[in-house]
C-alpha atoms as a PDB file:
ATOM      1  CA  MET A   1     -91.912 -63.263  14.627  1.00  0.00           C
ATOM      2  CA  LYS A   2     -89.608 -64.794  16.887  1.00  0.00           C
ATOM      3  CA  LYS A   3     -86.629 -66.965  15.545  1.00  0.00           C
ATOM      4  CA  TYR A   4     -84.902 -69.754  17.327  1.00  0.00           C
ATOM      5  CA  TYR A   5     -82.794 -72.946  16.765  1.00  0.00           C
ATOM      6  CA  GLU A   6     -83.441 -76.608  17.471  1.00  0.00           C
ATOM      7  CA  ASN A   7     -80.503 -78.798  16.652  1.00  0.00           C
ATOM      8  CA  GLY A   8     -79.350 -76.341  14.162  1.00  0.00           C
ATOM      9  CA  ILE A   9     -82.789 -75.977  12.306  1.00  0.00           C
ATOM     10  CA  LEU A  10     -83.949 -72.370  12.069  1.00  0.00           C
ATOM     11  CA  MET A  11     -87.627 -72.035  12.944  1.00  0.00           C
ATOM     12  CA  LEU A  12     -90.355 -69.381  13.120  1.00  0.00           C
ATOM     13  CA  GLU A  13     -88.357 -66.625  11.279  1.00  0.00           C
ATOM     14  CA  ASN A  14     -91.349 -65.904   9.075  1.00  0.00           C
ATOM     15  CA  PHE A  15     -94.684 -67.439   7.972  1.00  0.00           C
ATOM     16  CA  LYS A  16     -93.023 -69.849   5.348  1.00  0.00           C
ATOM     17  CA  GLU A  17     -90.520 -71.164   8.063  1.00  0.00           C
ATOM     18  CA  GLU A  18     -93.463 -71.599  10.632  1.00  0.00           C
ATOM     19  CA  CYS A  19     -94.657 -73.872   8.035  1.00  0.00           C
ATOM     20  CA  LEU A  20     -91.805 -76.233   8.442  1.00  0.00           C
ATOM     21  CA  TYR A  21     -92.616 -76.440  11.999  1.00  0.00           C
ATOM     22  CA  GLN A  22     -96.405 -76.821  11.393  1.00  0.00           C
ATOM     23  CA  ASP A  23     -95.828 -79.602   8.733  1.00  0.00           C
ATOM     24  CA  LEU A  24     -93.695 -81.506  11.254  1.00  0.00           C
ATOM     25  CA  ALA A  25     -96.407 -80.940  13.908  1.00  0.00           C
ATOM     26  CA  ARG A  26     -99.057 -82.659  11.604  1.00  0.00           C
ATOM     27  CA  TRP A  27     -96.839 -85.582  10.569  1.00  0.00           C
ATOM     28  CA  SER A  28     -96.026 -86.137  14.172  1.00  0.00           C
ATOM     29  CA  ILE A  29     -99.923 -86.381  14.924  1.00  0.00           C
ATOM     30  CA  ARG A  30    -100.609 -88.535  11.806  1.00  0.00           C
ATOM     31  CA  LEU A  31     -97.807 -90.844  12.623  1.00  0.00           C
ATOM     32  CA  LYS A  32     -98.591 -91.135  16.291  1.00  0.00           C
ATOM     33  CA  LEU A  33     -95.303 -89.700  17.507  1.00  0.00           C
ATOM     34  CA  GLN A  34     -94.713 -88.322  21.146  1.00  0.00           C
ATOM     35  CA  GLN A  35     -95.563 -84.623  20.805  1.00  0.00           C
ATOM     36  CA  GLY A  36     -93.142 -81.711  21.857  1.00  0.00           C
ATOM     37  CA  ASN A  37     -89.969 -83.929  20.928  1.00  0.00           C
ATOM     38  CA  VAL A  38     -89.371 -81.969  17.764  1.00  0.00           C
ATOM     39  CA  GLU A  39     -85.731 -82.904  17.243  1.00  0.00           C
ATOM     40  CA  ASP A  40     -86.354 -86.640  17.538  1.00  0.00           C
ATOM     41  CA  ASN A  41     -89.542 -86.331  15.484  1.00  0.00           C
ATOM     42  CA  PHE A  42     -87.872 -84.527  12.665  1.00  0.00           C
ATOM     43  CA  LEU A  43     -84.963 -87.284  12.522  1.00  0.00           C
ATOM     44  CA  LYS A  44     -87.677 -90.117  12.533  1.00  0.00           C
ATOM     45  CA  ILE A  45     -89.779 -88.834   9.988  1.00  0.00           C
ATOM     46  CA  TYR A  46     -87.307 -87.425   7.618  1.00  0.00           C
ATOM     47  CA  SER A  47     -85.074 -90.419   7.738  1.00  0.00           C
ATOM     48  CA  SER A  48     -87.998 -92.804   7.039  1.00  0.00           C
ATOM     49  CA  ARG A  49     -90.646 -90.957   4.931  1.00  0.00           C
ATOM     50  CA  PRO A  50     -89.799 -89.898   1.546  1.00  0.00           C
ATOM     51  CA  GLU A  51     -93.017 -87.847   1.278  1.00  0.00           C
ATOM     52  CA  TYR A  52     -92.021 -85.791   4.282  1.00  0.00           C
ATOM     53  CA  ARG A  53     -88.495 -85.306   2.578  1.00  0.00           C
ATOM     54  CA  ALA A  54     -90.338 -83.946  -0.377  1.00  0.00           C
ATOM     55  CA  VAL A  55     -92.466 -81.590   1.725  1.00  0.00           C
ATOM     56  CA  PHE A  56     -89.283 -80.460   3.431  1.00  0.00           C
ATOM     57  CA  ALA A  57     -87.479 -79.898   0.044  1.00  0.00           C
ATOM     58  CA  TYR A  58     -90.518 -77.955  -1.270  1.00  0.00           C
ATOM     59  CA  ARG A  59     -90.357 -75.629   1.848  1.00  0.00           C
ATOM     60  CA  LEU A  60     -86.787 -75.153   1.518  1.00  0.00           C
ATOM     61  CA  ARG A  61     -87.333 -73.881  -2.038  1.00  0.00           C
ATOM     62  CA  MET A  62     -89.959 -71.683  -1.349  1.00  0.00           C
ATOM     63  CA  LEU A  63     -87.623 -70.092   1.409  1.00  0.00           C
ATOM     64  CA  LYS A  64     -84.965 -69.723  -1.494  1.00  0.00           C
ATOM     65  CA  LYS A  65     -82.607 -72.044   0.571  1.00  0.00           C
ATOM     66  CA  PRO A  66     -82.441 -75.077  -1.695  1.00  0.00           C
ATOM     67  CA  LEU A  67     -78.792 -75.731  -0.981  1.00  0.00           C
ATOM     68  CA  MET A  68     -79.743 -76.674   2.695  1.00  0.00           C
ATOM     69  CA  ILE A  69     -81.415 -79.944   1.127  1.00  0.00           C
ATOM     70  CA  ASN A  70     -77.847 -81.193   0.881  1.00  0.00           C
ATOM     71  CA  LYS A  71     -77.490 -80.929   4.541  1.00  0.00           C
ATOM     72  CA  TYR A  72     -80.469 -82.907   5.397  1.00  0.00           C
ATOM     73  CA  ASN A  73     -79.640 -85.490   2.767  1.00  0.00           C
ATOM     74  CA  SER A  74     -76.750 -86.938   4.906  1.00  0.00           C
ATOM     75  CA  ILE A  75     -79.595 -87.813   7.473  1.00  0.00           C
ATOM     76  CA  ASN A  76     -81.092 -90.246   5.126  1.00  0.00           C
ATOM     77  CA  LYS A  77     -77.941 -91.264   3.388  1.00  0.00           C
ATOM     78  CA  GLY A  78     -79.056 -89.265   0.196  1.00  0.00           C
ATOM     79  CA  GLU A  79     -82.056 -91.446  -0.440  1.00  0.00           C
ATOM     80  CA  ALA A  80     -84.352 -89.626  -2.689  1.00  0.00           C
ATOM     81  CA  HIS A  81     -87.458 -87.860  -2.160  1.00  0.00           C
ATOM     82  CA  VAL A  82     -90.576 -89.076  -3.898  1.00  0.00           C
ATOM     83  CA  ASN A  83     -89.106 -89.068  -7.666  1.00  0.00           C
ATOM     84  CA  ASN A  84     -92.498 -88.654  -9.528  1.00  0.00           C
ATOM     85  CA  LEU A  85     -94.048 -86.153  -7.254  1.00  0.00           C
ATOM     86  CA  TYR A  86     -94.319 -82.683  -8.848  1.00  0.00           C
ATOM     87  CA  LEU A  87     -95.198 -79.853  -6.330  1.00  0.00           C
ATOM     88  CA  THR A  88     -95.304 -76.603  -8.534  1.00  0.00           C
ATOM     89  CA  CYS A  89     -97.762 -74.592  -6.549  1.00  0.00           C
ATOM     90  CA  LYS A  90     -96.027 -71.511  -4.953  1.00  0.00           C
ATOM     91  CA  ASP A  91     -98.384 -70.905  -2.099  1.00  0.00           C
ATOM     92  CA  ILE A  92     -99.200 -74.052  -0.043  1.00  0.00           C
ATOM     93  CA  GLY A  93    -100.229 -73.361   3.688  1.00  0.00           C
ATOM     94  CA  PRO A  94     -98.803 -75.047   6.629  1.00  0.00           C
ATOM     95  CA  GLY A  95     -99.684 -78.553   7.628  1.00  0.00           C
ATOM     96  CA  LEU A  96     -98.985 -80.200   4.291  1.00  0.00           C
ATOM     97  CA  TYR A  97     -99.248 -83.998   4.406  1.00  0.00           C
ATOM     98  CA  LEU A  98     -98.446 -86.359   1.606  1.00  0.00           C
ATOM     99  CA  GLU A  99     -99.665 -89.984   2.053  1.00  0.00           C
ATOM    100  CA  HIS A 100     -97.941 -92.340  -0.478  1.00  0.00           C
ATOM    101  CA  ALA A 101     -97.934 -89.264  -2.900  1.00  0.00           C
ATOM    102  CA  PHE A 102     -96.219 -91.019  -5.837  1.00  0.00           C
ATOM    103  CA  SER A 103     -97.275 -90.292  -9.281  1.00  0.00           C
ATOM    104  CA  SER A 104     -98.782 -86.975  -8.287  1.00  0.00           C
ATOM    105  CA  ILE A 105     -98.764 -83.591  -9.950  1.00  0.00           C
ATOM    106  CA  ILE A 106     -99.957 -80.583  -7.800  1.00  0.00           C
ATOM    107  CA  LEU A 107    -100.192 -77.325  -9.963  1.00  0.00           C
ATOM    108  CA  ALA A 108    -102.639 -74.894  -8.131  1.00  0.00           C
ATOM    109  CA  LYS A 109    -102.928 -71.230  -7.806  1.00  0.00           C
ATOM    110  CA  SER A 110    -102.821 -71.968  -4.034  1.00  0.00           C
ATOM    111  CA  ILE A 111    -103.452 -74.303  -1.436  1.00  0.00           C
ATOM    112  CA  GLY A 112    -104.639 -73.720   2.229  1.00  0.00           C
ATOM    113  CA  SER A 113    -103.504 -75.216   5.441  1.00  0.00           C
ATOM    114  CA  ASN A 114    -103.818 -79.002   6.339  1.00  0.00           C
ATOM    115  CA  PHE A 115    -103.856 -80.217   2.858  1.00  0.00           C
ATOM    116  CA  HIS A 116    -103.962 -83.947   2.650  1.00  0.00           C
ATOM    117  CA  LEU A 117    -102.982 -85.840  -0.538  1.00  0.00           C
ATOM    118  CA  ASN A 118    -102.793 -89.477  -1.531  1.00  0.00           C
ATOM    119  CA  GLN A 119    -101.151 -91.182  -4.410  1.00  0.00           C
ATOM    120  CA  SER A 120    -101.860 -90.737  -8.310  1.00  0.00           C
ATOM    121  CA  VAL A 121    -103.613 -87.533  -7.995  1.00  0.00           C
ATOM    122  CA  THR A 122    -103.717 -84.659 -10.727  1.00  0.00           C
ATOM    123  CA  ILE A 123    -104.288 -81.043  -9.969  1.00  0.00           C
ATOM    124  CA  GLY A 124    -103.493 -78.816 -12.742  1.00  0.00           C
ATOM    125  CA  ALA A 125    -104.433 -76.598 -15.648  1.00  0.00           C
ATOM    126  CA  GLY A 126    -107.671 -76.878 -17.600  1.00  0.00           C
ATOM    127  CA  SER A 127    -110.425 -74.421 -18.807  1.00  0.00           C
ATOM    128  CA  GLY A 128    -109.894 -71.186 -17.101  1.00  0.00           C
ATOM    129  CA  GLY A 129    -106.529 -71.939 -15.401  1.00  0.00           C
ATOM    130  CA  VAL A 130    -105.524 -74.070 -12.279  1.00  0.00           C
ATOM    131  CA  PRO A 131    -107.626 -74.655  -9.101  1.00  0.00           C
ATOM    132  CA  THR A 132    -107.560 -72.718  -5.858  1.00  0.00           C
ATOM    133  CA  ILE A 133    -107.863 -75.097  -2.937  1.00  0.00           C
ATOM    134  CA  GLY A 134    -109.107 -74.159   0.519  1.00  0.00           C
ATOM    135  CA  ASP A 135    -108.249 -75.146   4.123  1.00  0.00           C
ATOM    136  CA  ASN A 136    -108.462 -78.707   5.577  1.00  0.00           C
ATOM    137  CA  VAL A 137    -108.887 -80.430   2.118  1.00  0.00           C
ATOM    138  CA  LYS A 138    -108.152 -84.159   1.575  1.00  0.00           C
ATOM    139  CA  VAL A 139    -107.585 -85.388  -2.051  1.00  0.00           C
ATOM    140  CA  HIS A 140    -107.842 -89.217  -2.290  1.00  0.00           C
ATOM    141  CA  THR A 141    -106.206 -91.630  -4.596  1.00  0.00           C
ATOM    142  CA  HIS A 142    -106.520 -91.335  -8.726  1.00  0.00           C
ATOM    143  CA  SER A 143    -108.532 -88.148  -8.279  1.00  0.00           C
ATOM    144  CA  VAL A 144    -108.215 -85.364 -10.975  1.00  0.00           C
ATOM    145  CA  ILE A 145    -108.868 -81.599 -10.212  1.00  0.00           C
ATOM    146  CA  ILE A 146    -108.375 -79.464 -13.018  1.00  0.00           C
ATOM    147  CA  GLY A 147    -109.295 -75.903 -14.373  1.00  0.00           C
ATOM    148  CA  GLY A 148    -109.805 -72.599 -12.802  1.00  0.00           C
ATOM    149  CA  ILE A 149    -112.053 -73.866 -10.142  1.00  0.00           C
ATOM    150  CA  ASN A 150    -112.472 -73.300  -6.440  1.00  0.00           C
ATOM    151  CA  ILE A 151    -112.372 -76.036  -3.959  1.00  0.00           C
ATOM    152  CA  GLY A 152    -113.856 -74.686  -0.599  1.00  0.00           C
ATOM    153  CA  ASN A 153    -112.723 -75.385   2.923  1.00  0.00           C
ATOM    154  CA  ASN A 154    -113.173 -78.842   4.741  1.00  0.00           C
ATOM    155  CA  VAL A 155    -113.812 -80.667   1.394  1.00  0.00           C
ATOM    156  CA  THR A 156    -113.081 -84.354   0.915  1.00  0.00           C
ATOM    157  CA  VAL A 157    -112.434 -85.363  -2.641  1.00  0.00           C
ATOM    158  CA  ALA A 158    -113.475 -89.191  -2.869  1.00  0.00           C
ATOM    159  CA  ALA A 159    -111.053 -91.774  -4.542  1.00  0.00           C
ATOM    160  CA  GLY A 160    -111.158 -91.652  -8.463  1.00  0.00           C
ATOM    161  CA  SER A 161    -113.023 -88.512  -8.632  1.00  0.00           C
ATOM    162  CA  ILE A 162    -112.985 -85.949 -11.568  1.00  0.00           C
ATOM    163  CA  VAL A 163    -113.439 -82.451 -10.463  1.00  0.00           C
ATOM    164  CA  VAL A 164    -114.005 -79.925 -13.058  1.00  0.00           C
ATOM    165  CA  ASN A 165    -116.506 -77.670 -11.100  1.00  0.00           C
ATOM    166  CA  ASP A 166    -116.326 -75.316  -7.920  1.00  0.00           C
ATOM    167  CA  VAL A 167    -117.020 -77.318  -4.894  1.00  0.00           C
ATOM    168  CA  PRO A 168    -118.397 -75.382  -1.869  1.00  0.00           C
ATOM    169  CA  ASP A 169    -117.249 -75.578   1.733  1.00  0.00           C
ATOM    170  CA  ASN A 170    -118.055 -78.415   3.935  1.00  0.00           C
ATOM    171  CA  CYS A 171    -118.744 -81.039   1.194  1.00  0.00           C
ATOM    172  CA  THR A 172    -117.585 -84.438   0.297  1.00  0.00           C
ATOM    173  CA  VAL A 173    -117.442 -85.162  -3.561  1.00  0.00           C
ATOM    174  CA  ALA A 174    -117.215 -88.385  -5.623  1.00  0.00           C
ATOM    175  CA  SER A 175    -117.466 -89.358  -9.220  1.00  0.00           C
ATOM    176  CA  PRO A 176    -120.308 -91.870 -10.272  1.00  0.00           C
ATOM    177  CA  LYS A 177    -119.287 -95.453 -10.210  1.00  0.00           C
ATOM    178  CA  ALA A 178    -118.099 -97.064 -13.255  1.00  0.00           C
ATOM    179  CA  THR A 179    -120.769 -98.375 -15.563  1.00  0.00           C
ATOM    180  CA  ILE A 180    -120.601-100.798 -18.502  1.00  0.00           C
ATOM    181  CA  ILE A 181    -120.902 -98.882 -21.676  1.00  0.00           C
ATOM    182  CA  ARG A 182    -120.232-101.944 -24.032  1.00  0.00           C
ATOM    183  CA  SER A 183    -120.200-105.668 -23.630  1.00  0.00           C
ATOM    184  CA  ASN A 184    -117.558-107.635 -25.784  1.00  0.00           C
END
């Protein structure tokens, strides 16, 4: 794979570095920034979005370049990443997008490309291990995905859902609405 530099940022040396570029492209589209202006888009997004800083730091850790995070912290005057976001999955595909991802825990065997996560989500261990998540999956606010289950491609997990069983491709899942179980 070809490698080149843009404003001192090494791009496309290998698949994991290509993920940095594809993450930036996805964030640029989601935030409606001008396409093709990689340097400006990086500076705008990195300096204003703690969620993107968390994604960027995650990618640098996976590239085994955690010390580079200090270089980029000067862009945003050392402001924190999302402090209570825990990304512990070692295999997340390109196009990772975190929207208001505070209070979230992501522990999965693997996560495919174009994964979208909202706040207060738990993905983690349960019966049979940890989940495997496919491509183009959206997980909305306050959802829980636990256990050694498989979430297929093109799946949307609605807000407040509790997912403990496999979900096939091309589905939307939602937990039942709240019901009164006792009257005070």
